[in-house]
């Protein structure tokens, strides 16, 4: 993705000039997938600001990437995913190998799983997509929204849904089976997004 693929807007929907460099004005970012393997080139997905937990706000994260590219003098025709490799003294591209390595390091730290082989088997690049699919399904969003939001052209996403305690709880709810008092928190968890600041990765294997 290049600079022109990311557009920022204020709370009224007015396009923000990136030269202003004021993140407090930004409420929404539109990200254009210029090229995709499913051939849906040019698809745009919008993200809204998260003021509850700014650390995990997608809009602020996108803005930091944009501003970093400007500081590093990255040409607007070049990918935004670059960083200064201090070890070799040159610019380098952020690639899937590095992202996967960082993801596994985080997973190892938060889950306390020390077996590197097991970590590699459980966590990979696709874990992020699978987790997003299962989290939206847990919250009960419609399949059409899930399919569109995660950029699937077919119902392939159904293959990624996991059989877990949330599906079991929803089964009971659909049959109007009563819960015991100590199950109340689990029942409510179907309607509550997981805390992004949790000590658990929340990533679905």
N, C-alpha and C. Protein backbone atom coordinates (compact mmCIF):
# COMPACT_ATOMS: atom_id res chain seq x y z
N UNK A 1 0.83 -1.19 0.00
CA UNK A 1 0.00 0.00 0.00
C UNK A 1 0.87 1.25 0.00
N UNK A 2 0.42 2.25 -0.71
CA UNK A 2 1.14 3.51 -0.77
C UNK A 2 0.33 4.61 -0.09
N UNK A 3 0.91 5.79 0.01
CA UNK A 3 0.28 6.89 0.74
C UNK A 3 -1.13 7.22 0.25
N UNK A 4 -1.32 7.19 -1.06
CA UNK A 4 -2.64 7.55 -1.62
C UNK A 4 -3.72 6.52 -1.31
N UNK A 5 -3.34 5.34 -0.82
CA UNK A 5 -4.32 4.30 -0.49
C UNK A 5 -4.98 4.54 0.86
N UNK A 6 -4.45 5.48 1.64
CA UNK A 6 -4.97 5.75 2.98
C UNK A 6 -5.50 7.18 3.03
N UNK A 7 -6.79 7.32 3.35
CA UNK A 7 -7.42 8.64 3.43
C UNK A 7 -8.00 8.84 4.82
N UNK A 8 -7.81 10.04 5.37
CA UNK A 8 -8.24 10.34 6.74
C UNK A 8 -9.34 11.40 6.74
N UNK A 9 -10.28 11.26 7.72
CA UNK A 9 -11.44 12.15 7.79
C UNK A 9 -11.69 12.60 9.22
N UNK A 10 -12.31 13.77 9.37
CA UNK A 10 -12.67 14.24 10.71
C UNK A 10 -14.04 13.69 11.09
N UNK A 11 -14.59 14.14 12.22
CA UNK A 11 -15.84 13.58 12.73
C UNK A 11 -17.05 13.94 11.87
N UNK A 12 -16.89 14.91 10.98
CA UNK A 12 -17.99 15.29 10.08
C UNK A 12 -17.88 14.62 8.72
N UNK A 13 -16.79 13.86 8.52
CA UNK A 13 -16.58 13.21 7.23
C UNK A 13 -15.77 14.04 6.26
N UNK A 14 -15.20 15.14 6.74
CA UNK A 14 -14.39 16.00 5.88
C UNK A 14 -12.99 15.41 5.74
N UNK A 15 -12.48 15.38 4.50
CA UNK A 15 -11.16 14.83 4.23
C UNK A 15 -10.09 15.68 4.90
N UNK A 16 -9.16 15.02 5.59
CA UNK A 16 -8.08 15.70 6.30
C UNK A 16 -6.83 15.78 5.43
N UNK A 17 -6.25 16.95 5.39
CA UNK A 17 -4.98 17.14 4.69
C UNK A 17 -3.87 16.55 5.56
N UNK A 18 -3.15 15.57 5.05
CA UNK A 18 -2.13 14.89 5.84
C UNK A 18 -1.00 15.82 6.28
N UNK A 19 -0.83 16.92 5.57
CA UNK A 19 0.24 17.85 5.94
C UNK A 19 -0.04 18.54 7.27
N UNK A 20 -1.28 18.49 7.75
CA UNK A 20 -1.62 19.11 9.04
C UNK A 20 -0.96 18.38 10.21
N UNK A 21 -0.78 17.09 10.05
CA UNK A 21 -0.08 16.27 11.05
C UNK A 21 -0.69 16.42 12.45
N UNK A 22 -2.00 16.45 12.52
CA UNK A 22 -2.70 16.58 13.80
C UNK A 22 -3.66 15.40 13.96
N UNK A 23 -3.23 14.41 14.71
CA UNK A 23 -4.03 13.18 14.84
C UNK A 23 -5.33 13.40 15.61
N UNK A 24 -5.41 14.48 16.38
CA UNK A 24 -6.62 14.74 17.17
C UNK A 24 -7.81 15.10 16.28
N UNK A 25 -7.55 15.48 15.05
CA UNK A 25 -8.63 15.82 14.12
C UNK A 25 -9.22 14.59 13.45
N UNK A 26 -8.49 13.48 13.52
CA UNK A 26 -8.84 12.31 12.72
C UNK A 26 -9.76 11.35 13.47
N UNK A 27 -10.86 10.98 12.81
CA UNK A 27 -11.81 10.05 13.39
C UNK A 27 -11.97 8.78 12.55
N UNK A 28 -11.66 8.86 11.26
CA UNK A 28 -11.87 7.71 10.38
C UNK A 28 -10.74 7.62 9.36
N UNK A 29 -10.38 6.40 9.03
CA UNK A 29 -9.43 6.17 7.96
C UNK A 29 -10.04 5.18 6.97
N UNK A 30 -9.94 5.49 5.69
CA UNK A 30 -10.34 4.59 4.62
C UNK A 30 -9.07 3.98 4.03
N UNK A 31 -9.01 2.65 4.01
CA UNK A 31 -7.84 1.96 3.46
C UNK A 31 -8.26 1.22 2.21
N UNK A 32 -7.56 1.52 1.13
CA UNK A 32 -7.84 0.90 -0.17
C UNK A 32 -6.86 -0.24 -0.43
N UNK A 33 -7.41 -1.42 -0.67
CA UNK A 33 -6.59 -2.57 -1.05
C UNK A 33 -6.41 -2.51 -2.57
N UNK A 34 -5.31 -1.92 -2.99
CA UNK A 34 -5.08 -1.68 -4.42
C UNK A 34 -5.03 -2.98 -5.22
N UNK A 35 -4.36 -3.99 -4.63
CA UNK A 35 -4.28 -5.30 -5.29
C UNK A 35 -4.60 -6.38 -4.26
N UNK A 36 -5.43 -7.35 -4.66
CA UNK A 36 -5.78 -8.46 -3.79
C UNK A 36 -5.76 -9.76 -4.58
N UNK A 37 -5.46 -10.85 -3.87
CA UNK A 37 -5.41 -12.14 -4.55
C UNK A 37 -6.79 -12.61 -5.00
N UNK A 38 -7.87 -12.05 -4.41
CA UNK A 38 -9.22 -12.43 -4.83
C UNK A 38 -9.71 -11.57 -5.99
N UNK A 39 -8.80 -10.72 -6.52
CA UNK A 39 -9.09 -9.88 -7.70
C UNK A 39 -10.06 -8.74 -7.42
N UNK A 40 -10.43 -8.54 -6.15
CA UNK A 40 -11.30 -7.42 -5.80
C UNK A 40 -10.44 -6.17 -5.59
N UNK A 41 -9.71 -5.81 -6.60
CA UNK A 41 -8.77 -4.69 -6.49
C UNK A 41 -9.52 -3.37 -6.30
N UNK A 42 -8.95 -2.52 -5.45
CA UNK A 42 -9.55 -1.22 -5.20
C UNK A 42 -10.61 -1.22 -4.10
N UNK A 43 -10.78 -2.34 -3.41
CA UNK A 43 -11.79 -2.41 -2.34
C UNK A 43 -11.36 -1.52 -1.17
N UNK A 44 -12.32 -0.81 -0.59
CA UNK A 44 -12.04 0.12 0.51
C UNK A 44 -12.75 -0.34 1.78
N UNK A 45 -12.00 -0.36 2.89
CA UNK A 45 -12.54 -0.69 4.20
C UNK A 45 -12.28 0.50 5.12
N UNK A 46 -13.30 0.91 5.88
CA UNK A 46 -13.19 2.06 6.78
C UNK A 46 -13.00 1.61 8.22
N UNK A 47 -12.23 2.38 8.97
CA UNK A 47 -12.01 2.12 10.39
C UNK A 47 -12.28 3.40 11.17
N UNK A 48 -12.96 3.27 12.31
CA UNK A 48 -13.31 4.41 13.15
C UNK A 48 -12.41 4.45 14.39
N UNK A 49 -12.21 5.62 14.91
CA UNK A 49 -11.31 5.83 16.04
C UNK A 49 -11.81 5.14 17.31
N UNK A 50 -10.87 4.61 18.08
CA UNK A 50 -11.18 3.97 19.36
C UNK A 50 -10.62 4.84 20.48
N UNK A 51 -11.52 5.53 21.19
CA UNK A 51 -11.09 6.39 22.28
C UNK A 51 -11.14 5.67 23.63
N UNK A 52 -11.69 4.46 23.65
CA UNK A 52 -11.74 3.69 24.90
C UNK A 52 -10.36 3.14 25.22
N UNK A 53 -9.69 2.61 24.22
CA UNK A 53 -8.33 2.09 24.39
C UNK A 53 -7.47 2.57 23.23
N UNK A 54 -6.97 3.80 23.29
CA UNK A 54 -6.20 4.38 22.19
C UNK A 54 -4.99 3.58 21.77
N UNK A 55 -4.46 2.76 22.69
CA UNK A 55 -3.28 1.97 22.35
C UNK A 55 -3.54 1.03 21.19
N UNK A 56 -4.78 0.58 21.07
CA UNK A 56 -5.12 -0.38 20.03
C UNK A 56 -6.03 0.23 18.96
N UNK A 57 -6.03 1.56 18.89
CA UNK A 57 -6.88 2.26 17.92
C UNK A 57 -6.33 2.08 16.51
N UNK A 58 -7.12 1.53 15.58
CA UNK A 58 -6.64 1.32 14.21
C UNK A 58 -6.37 2.62 13.46
N UNK A 59 -7.14 3.67 13.79
CA UNK A 59 -6.94 4.95 13.11
C UNK A 59 -5.62 5.58 13.54
N UNK A 60 -5.35 5.58 14.83
CA UNK A 60 -4.09 6.14 15.32
C UNK A 60 -2.90 5.33 14.80
N UNK A 61 -3.06 4.00 14.74
CA UNK A 61 -1.97 3.15 14.24
C UNK A 61 -1.67 3.48 12.78
N UNK A 62 -2.72 3.65 11.99
CA UNK A 62 -2.53 3.99 10.58
C UNK A 62 -1.85 5.35 10.44
N UNK A 63 -2.28 6.30 11.28
CA UNK A 63 -1.70 7.64 11.23
C UNK A 63 -0.21 7.63 11.59
N UNK A 64 0.16 6.80 12.57
CA UNK A 64 1.58 6.70 12.94
C UNK A 64 2.41 6.16 11.78
N UNK A 65 1.84 5.19 11.07
CA UNK A 65 2.55 4.63 9.91
C UNK A 65 2.73 5.69 8.84
N UNK A 66 1.68 6.46 8.59
CA UNK A 66 1.73 7.52 7.59
C UNK A 66 2.77 8.58 7.97
N UNK A 67 2.76 8.99 9.24
CA UNK A 67 3.69 10.01 9.68
C UNK A 67 5.13 9.50 9.69
N UNK A 68 5.31 8.22 10.01
CA UNK A 68 6.66 7.65 9.99
C UNK A 68 7.21 7.66 8.58
N UNK A 69 6.36 7.33 7.61
CA UNK A 69 6.79 7.34 6.21
C UNK A 69 7.23 8.74 5.79
N UNK A 70 6.52 9.75 6.26
CA UNK A 70 6.89 11.13 5.94
C UNK A 70 8.22 11.50 6.59
N UNK A 71 8.42 11.10 7.84
CA UNK A 71 9.67 11.41 8.53
C UNK A 71 10.86 10.75 7.85
N UNK A 72 10.63 9.54 7.35
CA UNK A 72 11.72 8.79 6.69
C UNK A 72 11.91 9.21 5.24
N UNK A 73 11.04 10.09 4.76
CA UNK A 73 11.18 10.57 3.39
C UNK A 73 10.82 9.54 2.34
N UNK A 74 9.90 8.62 2.67
CA UNK A 74 9.50 7.60 1.72
C UNK A 74 8.66 8.24 0.60
N UNK A 75 9.04 7.98 -0.62
CA UNK A 75 8.33 8.54 -1.77
C UNK A 75 6.88 8.04 -1.79
N UNK A 76 5.95 8.89 -2.20
CA UNK A 76 4.53 8.55 -2.19
C UNK A 76 4.19 7.39 -3.11
N UNK A 77 5.08 7.06 -4.02
CA UNK A 77 4.84 5.94 -4.93
C UNK A 77 5.37 4.62 -4.38
N UNK A 78 6.01 4.68 -3.21
CA UNK A 78 6.61 3.51 -2.60
C UNK A 78 5.77 2.99 -1.45
N UNK A 79 5.85 1.68 -1.14
CA UNK A 79 5.07 1.11 -0.03
C UNK A 79 5.34 1.80 1.30
N UNK A 80 4.28 1.96 2.09
CA UNK A 80 4.39 2.58 3.41
C UNK A 80 5.12 1.68 4.41
N UNK A 81 5.03 0.38 4.22
CA UNK A 81 5.60 -0.58 5.17
C UNK A 81 7.10 -0.68 5.08
N UNK A 82 7.79 0.39 5.41
CA UNK A 82 9.25 0.40 5.43
C UNK A 82 9.74 0.95 6.76
N UNK A 83 10.95 0.61 7.09
CA UNK A 83 11.55 1.11 8.32
C UNK A 83 13.05 1.24 8.12
N UNK A 84 13.69 1.98 9.01
CA UNK A 84 15.13 2.18 8.93
C UNK A 84 15.83 1.05 9.66
N UNK A 85 16.55 0.23 8.90
CA UNK A 85 17.31 -0.88 9.47
C UNK A 85 18.65 -0.33 9.96
N UNK A 86 18.72 -0.07 11.26
CA UNK A 86 19.93 0.54 11.83
C UNK A 86 21.13 -0.39 11.73
N UNK A 87 20.89 -1.69 11.76
CA UNK A 87 22.00 -2.65 11.71
C UNK A 87 22.74 -2.57 10.39
N UNK A 88 21.98 -2.41 9.30
CA UNK A 88 22.61 -2.37 7.97
C UNK A 88 22.64 -0.96 7.39
N UNK A 89 22.05 -0.01 8.14
CA UNK A 89 22.10 1.37 7.70
C UNK A 89 21.36 1.66 6.41
N UNK A 90 20.20 1.03 6.24
CA UNK A 90 19.42 1.24 5.01
C UNK A 90 17.94 1.02 5.30
N UNK A 91 17.11 1.44 4.34
CA UNK A 91 15.68 1.22 4.45
C UNK A 91 15.36 -0.24 4.12
N UNK A 92 14.37 -0.80 4.84
CA UNK A 92 13.98 -2.19 4.61
C UNK A 92 12.46 -2.29 4.60
N UNK A 93 11.96 -3.26 3.86
CA UNK A 93 10.52 -3.47 3.78
C UNK A 93 10.05 -4.40 4.90
N UNK A 94 8.91 -4.06 5.50
CA UNK A 94 8.28 -4.95 6.47
C UNK A 94 7.59 -6.06 5.69
N UNK A 95 8.00 -7.30 5.91
CA UNK A 95 7.44 -8.42 5.14
C UNK A 95 6.73 -9.42 6.05
N UNK A 96 6.11 -10.39 5.43
CA UNK A 96 5.30 -11.37 6.18
C UNK A 96 6.15 -12.19 7.15
N UNK A 97 7.41 -12.45 6.80
CA UNK A 97 8.29 -13.23 7.67
C UNK A 97 8.52 -12.49 8.99
N UNK A 98 8.77 -11.18 8.90
CA UNK A 98 9.01 -10.39 10.11
C UNK A 98 7.75 -10.24 10.94
N UNK A 99 6.62 -10.02 10.28
CA UNK A 99 5.35 -9.89 11.01
C UNK A 99 5.03 -11.18 11.75
N UNK A 100 5.24 -12.31 11.08
CA UNK A 100 4.96 -13.60 11.71
C UNK A 100 5.88 -13.84 12.89
N UNK A 101 7.13 -13.44 12.76
CA UNK A 101 8.08 -13.60 13.86
C UNK A 101 7.65 -12.77 15.07
N UNK A 102 7.25 -11.54 14.84
CA UNK A 102 6.81 -10.67 15.93
C UNK A 102 5.54 -11.21 16.58
N UNK A 103 4.62 -11.71 15.75
CA UNK A 103 3.37 -12.27 16.26
C UNK A 103 3.65 -13.45 17.18
N UNK A 104 4.56 -14.30 16.79
CA UNK A 104 4.88 -15.48 17.60
C UNK A 104 5.61 -15.10 18.88
N UNK A 105 6.42 -14.06 18.83
CA UNK A 105 7.08 -13.60 20.04
C UNK A 105 6.05 -13.11 21.06
N UNK A 106 5.06 -12.35 20.59
CA UNK A 106 4.00 -11.86 21.47
C UNK A 106 3.19 -13.03 22.02
N UNK A 107 2.86 -13.99 21.15
CA UNK A 107 2.08 -15.15 21.58
C UNK A 107 2.84 -15.96 22.64
N UNK A 108 4.13 -16.11 22.43
CA UNK A 108 4.95 -16.87 23.38
C UNK A 108 4.99 -16.18 24.74
N UNK A 109 5.09 -14.86 24.72
CA UNK A 109 5.18 -14.09 25.96
C UNK A 109 3.85 -14.10 26.72
N UNK A 110 2.75 -13.93 26.00
CA UNK A 110 1.45 -13.79 26.67
C UNK A 110 0.83 -15.13 27.06
N UNK A 111 1.14 -16.20 26.32
CA UNK A 111 0.56 -17.50 26.65
C UNK A 111 1.46 -18.33 27.55
N UNK A 112 2.75 -17.90 27.65
CA UNK A 112 3.75 -18.62 28.44
C UNK A 112 4.04 -20.01 27.87
N UNK A 113 3.75 -20.20 26.59
CA UNK A 113 4.13 -21.45 25.91
C UNK A 113 5.58 -21.33 25.47
N UNK A 114 6.43 -22.19 25.97
CA UNK A 114 7.86 -22.08 25.69
C UNK A 114 8.33 -22.99 24.56
N UNK A 115 7.46 -23.86 24.10
CA UNK A 115 7.80 -24.79 23.03
C UNK A 115 7.72 -24.06 21.68
N UNK A 116 8.87 -23.77 21.07
CA UNK A 116 8.90 -23.02 19.81
C UNK A 116 8.18 -23.75 18.68
N UNK A 117 8.29 -25.06 18.67
CA UNK A 117 7.61 -25.84 17.62
C UNK A 117 6.11 -25.71 17.75
N UNK A 118 5.62 -25.77 18.98
CA UNK A 118 4.18 -25.64 19.22
C UNK A 118 3.70 -24.23 18.86
N UNK A 119 4.49 -23.23 19.20
CA UNK A 119 4.14 -21.84 18.87
C UNK A 119 4.01 -21.68 17.36
N UNK A 120 4.93 -22.26 16.60
CA UNK A 120 4.88 -22.17 15.15
C UNK A 120 3.66 -22.88 14.58
N UNK A 121 3.27 -23.99 15.23
CA UNK A 121 2.10 -24.72 14.76
C UNK A 121 0.80 -23.97 15.07
N UNK A 122 0.79 -23.25 16.19
CA UNK A 122 -0.44 -22.61 16.65
C UNK A 122 -0.65 -21.21 16.10
N UNK A 123 0.45 -20.49 15.85
CA UNK A 123 0.32 -19.08 15.47
C UNK A 123 1.06 -18.78 14.18
N UNK A 124 0.36 -18.10 13.29
CA UNK A 124 0.95 -17.70 12.02
C UNK A 124 0.22 -16.49 11.47
N UNK A 125 0.57 -16.08 10.28
CA UNK A 125 -0.04 -14.90 9.67
C UNK A 125 -1.56 -15.01 9.58
N UNK A 126 -2.04 -16.22 9.33
CA UNK A 126 -3.48 -16.39 9.14
C UNK A 126 -4.25 -16.34 10.46
N UNK A 127 -3.53 -16.44 11.58
CA UNK A 127 -4.18 -16.42 12.89
C UNK A 127 -4.96 -15.13 13.11
N UNK A 128 -4.45 -14.02 12.59
CA UNK A 128 -5.11 -12.73 12.77
C UNK A 128 -6.46 -12.74 12.07
N UNK A 129 -6.49 -13.25 10.87
CA UNK A 129 -7.73 -13.29 10.08
C UNK A 129 -8.74 -14.26 10.70
N UNK A 130 -8.25 -15.41 11.14
CA UNK A 130 -9.12 -16.41 11.75
C UNK A 130 -9.72 -15.87 13.06
N UNK A 131 -8.89 -15.18 13.85
CA UNK A 131 -9.37 -14.61 15.10
C UNK A 131 -10.44 -13.56 14.86
N UNK A 132 -10.21 -12.69 13.88
CA UNK A 132 -11.21 -11.67 13.56
C UNK A 132 -12.53 -12.31 13.15
N UNK A 133 -12.46 -13.37 12.39
CA UNK A 133 -13.64 -14.10 11.93
C UNK A 133 -14.42 -14.65 13.12
N UNK A 134 -13.72 -15.29 14.05
CA UNK A 134 -14.37 -15.91 15.20
C UNK A 134 -14.88 -14.87 16.20
N UNK A 135 -14.18 -13.76 16.33
CA UNK A 135 -14.61 -12.72 17.26
C UNK A 135 -15.91 -12.08 16.77
N UNK A 136 -16.00 -11.80 15.48
CA UNK A 136 -17.23 -11.22 14.93
C UNK A 136 -18.39 -12.22 15.04
N UNK A 137 -18.09 -13.49 14.80
CA UNK A 137 -19.12 -14.52 14.90
C UNK A 137 -19.61 -14.64 16.34
N UNK A 138 -18.69 -14.55 17.31
CA UNK A 138 -19.05 -14.63 18.73
C UNK A 138 -20.01 -13.51 19.11
N UNK A 139 -19.79 -12.34 18.52
CA UNK A 139 -20.63 -11.18 18.83
C UNK A 139 -21.95 -11.21 18.10
N UNK A 140 -22.13 -12.22 17.23
CA UNK A 140 -23.41 -12.41 16.58
C UNK A 140 -23.67 -11.54 15.36
N UNK A 141 -22.60 -11.04 14.72
CA UNK A 141 -22.82 -10.22 13.52
C UNK A 141 -23.32 -11.11 12.38
N UNK A 142 -24.00 -10.52 11.43
CA UNK A 142 -24.53 -11.27 10.31
C UNK A 142 -23.41 -11.77 9.40
N UNK A 143 -23.64 -12.91 8.78
CA UNK A 143 -22.64 -13.48 7.89
C UNK A 143 -22.28 -12.52 6.76
N UNK A 144 -23.26 -11.79 6.27
CA UNK A 144 -23.01 -10.86 5.17
C UNK A 144 -22.04 -9.76 5.58
N UNK A 145 -22.18 -9.28 6.83
CA UNK A 145 -21.26 -8.26 7.34
C UNK A 145 -19.87 -8.84 7.52
N UNK A 146 -19.80 -10.03 8.11
CA UNK A 146 -18.52 -10.68 8.35
C UNK A 146 -17.79 -10.92 7.02
N UNK A 147 -18.52 -11.39 6.03
CA UNK A 147 -17.94 -11.68 4.72
C UNK A 147 -17.39 -10.41 4.07
N UNK A 148 -18.18 -9.34 4.13
CA UNK A 148 -17.77 -8.09 3.50
C UNK A 148 -16.64 -7.43 4.26
N UNK A 149 -16.74 -7.41 5.58
CA UNK A 149 -15.75 -6.72 6.40
C UNK A 149 -14.37 -7.34 6.29
N UNK A 150 -14.31 -8.67 6.23
CA UNK A 150 -13.03 -9.36 6.17
C UNK A 150 -12.63 -9.71 4.73
N UNK A 151 -13.36 -9.15 3.78
CA UNK A 151 -13.00 -9.19 2.35
C UNK A 151 -12.99 -10.61 1.78
N UNK A 152 -14.01 -11.40 2.12
CA UNK A 152 -14.20 -12.70 1.48
C UNK A 152 -15.22 -12.57 0.34
N UNK A 153 -14.96 -13.22 -0.76
CA UNK A 153 -15.90 -13.18 -1.88
C UNK A 153 -16.95 -14.29 -1.79
N UNK A 154 -16.64 -15.32 -0.98
CA UNK A 154 -17.55 -16.47 -0.86
C UNK A 154 -17.80 -16.75 0.61
N UNK A 155 -18.42 -17.90 0.89
CA UNK A 155 -18.68 -18.31 2.27
C UNK A 155 -17.53 -19.15 2.84
N UNK A 156 -16.35 -18.99 2.27
CA UNK A 156 -15.18 -19.74 2.74
C UNK A 156 -14.89 -19.48 4.21
N UNK A 157 -15.26 -18.28 4.69
CA UNK A 157 -14.97 -17.94 6.09
C UNK A 157 -15.62 -18.92 7.06
N UNK A 158 -16.68 -19.61 6.63
CA UNK A 158 -17.34 -20.57 7.52
C UNK A 158 -16.39 -21.70 7.92
N UNK A 159 -15.40 -21.98 7.06
CA UNK A 159 -14.44 -23.04 7.36
C UNK A 159 -13.51 -22.65 8.52
N UNK A 160 -13.45 -21.36 8.81
CA UNK A 160 -12.53 -20.88 9.85
C UNK A 160 -13.20 -20.76 11.22
N UNK A 161 -14.50 -20.91 11.27
CA UNK A 161 -15.19 -20.80 12.55
C UNK A 161 -14.87 -22.01 13.43
N UNK A 162 -14.48 -21.75 14.64
CA UNK A 162 -14.06 -22.81 15.56
C UNK A 162 -15.21 -23.25 16.47
N UNK A 163 -15.15 -24.52 16.86
CA UNK A 163 -16.11 -25.07 17.82
C UNK A 163 -15.55 -24.81 19.22
N UNK A 164 -16.09 -23.80 19.90
CA UNK A 164 -15.55 -23.43 21.21
C UNK A 164 -16.69 -23.22 22.20
N UNK A 165 -16.35 -22.71 23.38
CA UNK A 165 -17.37 -22.57 24.43
C UNK A 165 -18.43 -21.55 24.04
N UNK A 166 -18.08 -20.59 23.20
CA UNK A 166 -19.06 -19.57 22.81
C UNK A 166 -20.13 -20.15 21.89
N UNK A 167 -19.74 -21.08 21.01
CA UNK A 167 -20.73 -21.72 20.16
C UNK A 167 -21.66 -22.60 21.00
N UNK A 168 -21.09 -23.22 22.04
CA UNK A 168 -21.90 -24.06 22.93
C UNK A 168 -22.89 -23.20 23.72
N UNK A 169 -22.44 -22.03 24.18
CA UNK A 169 -23.32 -21.13 24.92
C UNK A 169 -24.43 -20.61 24.03
N UNK A 170 -24.08 -20.23 22.80
CA UNK A 170 -25.10 -19.72 21.87
C UNK A 170 -26.12 -20.81 21.53
N UNK A 171 -25.67 -22.05 21.48
CA UNK A 171 -26.57 -23.17 21.24
C UNK A 171 -27.62 -23.24 22.36
N UNK A 172 -27.16 -23.12 23.61
CA UNK A 172 -28.08 -23.13 24.75
C UNK A 172 -29.06 -21.97 24.70
N UNK A 173 -28.56 -20.80 24.32
CA UNK A 173 -29.41 -19.62 24.23
C UNK A 173 -30.50 -19.80 23.18
N UNK A 174 -30.12 -20.38 22.06
CA UNK A 174 -31.09 -20.56 20.98
C UNK A 174 -32.19 -21.54 21.36
N UNK A 175 -31.87 -22.47 22.28
CA UNK A 175 -32.86 -23.44 22.75
C UNK A 175 -33.53 -23.00 24.05
N UNK A 176 -33.17 -21.79 24.48
CA UNK A 176 -33.73 -21.22 25.71
C UNK A 176 -33.43 -22.09 26.94
N UNK A 177 -32.24 -22.68 26.95
CA UNK A 177 -31.82 -23.48 28.10
C UNK A 177 -31.30 -22.54 29.18
N UNK A 178 -31.79 -22.69 30.39
CA UNK A 178 -31.42 -21.79 31.47
C UNK A 178 -29.98 -22.02 31.92
N UNK A 179 -29.36 -20.92 32.36
CA UNK A 179 -27.99 -20.97 32.84
C UNK A 179 -27.98 -20.98 34.36
N UNK A 180 -26.98 -21.63 34.92
CA UNK A 180 -26.80 -21.58 36.36
C UNK A 180 -26.20 -20.22 36.71
N UNK A 181 -26.32 -19.77 37.95
CA UNK A 181 -25.83 -18.43 38.34
C UNK A 181 -24.37 -18.17 37.98
N UNK A 182 -23.50 -19.19 38.15
CA UNK A 182 -22.08 -18.95 37.88
C UNK A 182 -21.76 -18.93 36.38
N UNK A 183 -22.76 -19.21 35.54
CA UNK A 183 -22.55 -19.14 34.09
C UNK A 183 -22.96 -17.79 33.51
N UNK A 184 -23.45 -16.90 34.36
CA UNK A 184 -23.96 -15.61 33.88
C UNK A 184 -22.90 -14.81 33.14
N UNK A 185 -21.68 -14.79 33.67
CA UNK A 185 -20.62 -14.00 33.04
C UNK A 185 -20.29 -14.54 31.66
N UNK A 186 -20.35 -15.87 31.51
CA UNK A 186 -20.09 -16.47 30.20
C UNK A 186 -21.17 -16.08 29.21
N UNK A 187 -22.40 -16.05 29.68
CA UNK A 187 -23.51 -15.68 28.81
C UNK A 187 -23.34 -14.24 28.32
N UNK A 188 -22.98 -13.35 29.24
CA UNK A 188 -22.79 -11.95 28.87
C UNK A 188 -21.60 -11.77 27.94
N UNK A 189 -20.64 -12.68 28.00
CA UNK A 189 -19.43 -12.53 27.18
C UNK A 189 -19.73 -12.62 25.68
N UNK A 190 -20.88 -13.19 25.34
CA UNK A 190 -21.25 -13.26 23.93
C UNK A 190 -21.55 -11.88 23.36
N UNK A 191 -21.93 -10.96 24.20
CA UNK A 191 -22.32 -9.63 23.75
C UNK A 191 -21.25 -8.59 24.01
N UNK A 192 -20.13 -9.00 24.62
CA UNK A 192 -19.10 -8.05 25.02
C UNK A 192 -17.80 -8.33 24.27
N UNK A 193 -17.26 -7.32 23.56
CA UNK A 193 -15.98 -7.51 22.87
C UNK A 193 -14.89 -7.81 23.88
N UNK A 194 -13.93 -8.66 23.48
CA UNK A 194 -12.80 -8.94 24.36
C UNK A 194 -11.98 -7.68 24.55
N UNK A 195 -11.46 -7.49 25.75
CA UNK A 195 -10.61 -6.33 26.01
C UNK A 195 -9.33 -6.43 25.22
N UNK A 196 -9.01 -5.37 24.47
CA UNK A 196 -7.79 -5.38 23.68
C UNK A 196 -6.57 -5.29 24.58
N UNK A 197 -6.77 -4.88 25.81
CA UNK A 197 -5.65 -4.77 26.73
C UNK A 197 -5.45 -6.01 27.58
N UNK A 198 -6.11 -7.10 27.22
CA UNK A 198 -6.02 -8.32 28.01
C UNK A 198 -4.61 -8.87 27.97
N UNK A 199 -4.26 -9.63 29.01
CA UNK A 199 -2.94 -10.25 29.06
C UNK A 199 -2.89 -11.48 28.17
N UNK A 200 -4.02 -11.90 27.64
CA UNK A 200 -4.05 -13.03 26.72
C UNK A 200 -4.03 -12.52 25.28
N UNK A 201 -3.47 -13.29 24.38
CA UNK A 201 -3.42 -12.86 22.99
C UNK A 201 -4.81 -12.84 22.37
N UNK A 202 -5.66 -13.78 22.79
CA UNK A 202 -6.99 -13.85 22.20
C UNK A 202 -6.96 -14.40 20.80
N UNK A 203 -5.80 -14.80 20.33
CA UNK A 203 -5.67 -15.28 18.95
C UNK A 203 -6.16 -16.72 18.86
N UNK A 204 -6.97 -16.98 17.84
CA UNK A 204 -7.50 -18.32 17.62
C UNK A 204 -6.53 -19.08 16.75
N UNK A 205 -6.22 -20.29 17.15
CA UNK A 205 -5.26 -21.08 16.39
C UNK A 205 -5.91 -21.66 15.12
